[in-house]
C-alpha atoms as a PDB file:
ATOM      1  CA  MET A   1       2.049 -13.353   5.819  1.00  0.00           C
ATOM      2  CA  SER A   2       2.519 -17.036   6.231  1.00  0.00           C
ATOM      3  CA  GLY A   3       3.340 -18.915   9.408  1.00  0.00           C
ATOM      4  CA  GLU A   4       5.150 -16.803  11.969  1.00  0.00           C
ATOM      5  CA  GLN A   5       6.031 -13.911   9.674  1.00  0.00           C
ATOM      6  CA  ARG A   6       5.124 -10.638  11.402  1.00  0.00           C
ATOM      7  CA  GLU A   7       6.671  -8.087   9.067  1.00  0.00           C
ATOM      8  CA  LEU A   8       5.976  -6.913   5.542  1.00  0.00           C
ATOM      9  CA  THR A   9       8.319  -4.825   3.441  1.00  0.00           C
ATOM     10  CA  PHE A  10       6.971  -2.991   0.425  1.00  0.00           C
ATOM     11  CA  ARG A  11       8.972  -0.830  -1.947  1.00  0.00           C
ATOM     12  CA  PHE A  12       7.396   1.305  -4.621  1.00  0.00           C
ATOM     13  CA  LEU A  13       9.137   2.882  -7.572  1.00  0.00           C
ATOM     14  CA  ALA A  14       7.370   5.926  -8.964  1.00  0.00           C
ATOM     15  CA  GLU A  15       6.837   5.792 -12.700  1.00  0.00           C
ATOM     16  CA  PRO A  16       7.129   8.957 -14.811  1.00  0.00           C
ATOM     17  CA  THR A  17       3.320   9.205 -14.922  1.00  0.00           C
ATOM     18  CA  ASP A  18       3.181   9.118 -11.088  1.00  0.00           C
ATOM     19  CA  VAL A  19       4.983  12.433 -10.590  1.00  0.00           C
ATOM     20  CA  ASN A  20       4.283  16.076 -11.375  1.00  0.00           C
ATOM     21  CA  TYR A  21       6.609  18.536 -13.106  1.00  0.00           C
ATOM     22  CA  GLY A  22       8.389  19.242  -9.823  1.00  0.00           C
ATOM     23  CA  GLY A  23       9.253  15.562  -9.349  1.00  0.00           C
ATOM     24  CA  LYS A  24       6.806  15.041  -6.473  1.00  0.00           C
ATOM     25  CA  VAL A  25       4.611  11.935  -6.387  1.00  0.00           C
ATOM     26  CA  HIS A  26       0.882  12.655  -6.795  1.00  0.00           C
ATOM     27  CA  GLY A  27      -1.157  12.225  -3.605  1.00  0.00           C
ATOM     28  CA  GLY A  28      -3.535   9.773  -5.257  1.00  0.00           C
ATOM     29  CA  VAL A  29      -0.628   7.496  -6.150  1.00  0.00           C
ATOM     30  CA  VAL A  30       0.605   7.525  -2.562  1.00  0.00           C
ATOM     31  CA  MET A  31      -2.913   6.716  -1.331  1.00  0.00           C
ATOM     32  CA  LYS A  32      -3.036   3.774  -3.758  1.00  0.00           C
ATOM     33  CA  TRP A  33       0.244   2.475  -2.324  1.00  0.00           C
ATOM     34  CA  ILE A  34      -1.039   2.902   1.244  1.00  0.00           C
ATOM     35  CA  ASP A  35      -4.191   0.988   0.303  1.00  0.00           C
ATOM     36  CA  GLN A  36      -2.177  -1.873  -1.209  1.00  0.00           C
ATOM     37  CA  VAL A  37       0.021  -2.210   1.875  1.00  0.00           C
ATOM     38  CA  GLY A  38      -2.983  -1.958   4.181  1.00  0.00           C
ATOM     39  CA  TYR A  39      -4.729  -4.709   2.241  1.00  0.00           C
ATOM     40  CA  ALA A  40      -1.708  -7.012   2.462  1.00  0.00           C
ATOM     41  CA  ALA A  41      -1.410  -6.432   6.211  1.00  0.00           C
ATOM     42  CA  ALA A  42      -5.152  -6.903   6.802  1.00  0.00           C
ATOM     43  CA  VAL A  43      -5.344 -10.133   4.799  1.00  0.00           C
ATOM     44  CA  GLY A  44      -2.268 -11.458   6.590  1.00  0.00           C
ATOM     45  CA  TRP A  45      -3.796 -10.654   9.953  1.00  0.00           C
ATOM     46  CA  ALA A  46      -7.402 -11.687   9.231  1.00  0.00           C
ATOM     47  CA  GLY A  47      -6.618 -14.552   6.887  1.00  0.00           C
ATOM     48  CA  ARG A  48      -9.376 -13.576   4.466  1.00  0.00           C
ATOM     49  CA  TYR A  49     -10.523 -10.885   2.039  1.00  0.00           C
ATOM     50  CA  SER A  50     -10.491  -7.337   3.408  1.00  0.00           C
ATOM     51  CA  VAL A  51     -11.374  -3.857   2.186  1.00  0.00           C
ATOM     52  CA  THR A  52     -10.371  -0.339   3.184  1.00  0.00           C
ATOM     53  CA  VAL A  53     -13.189   1.448   4.976  1.00  0.00           C
ATOM     54  CA  ALA A  54     -11.408   4.652   5.962  1.00  0.00           C
ATOM     55  CA  VAL A  55      -7.993   6.297   6.088  1.00  0.00           C
ATOM     56  CA  GLY A  56      -7.364   8.943   8.653  1.00  0.00           C
END
């Protein structure tokens, strides 16, 4: 997030390997997406490298 930008928009498209036979996205894939968005927000806020410590 550069300058005065205060909003991020992420869109994810599930690949065929990301879903089960019922068409639902696997939980691990969703957690990966959450982690990626969290990282982008944390780096934008802190201005430096960040890691996920916990999700809850």
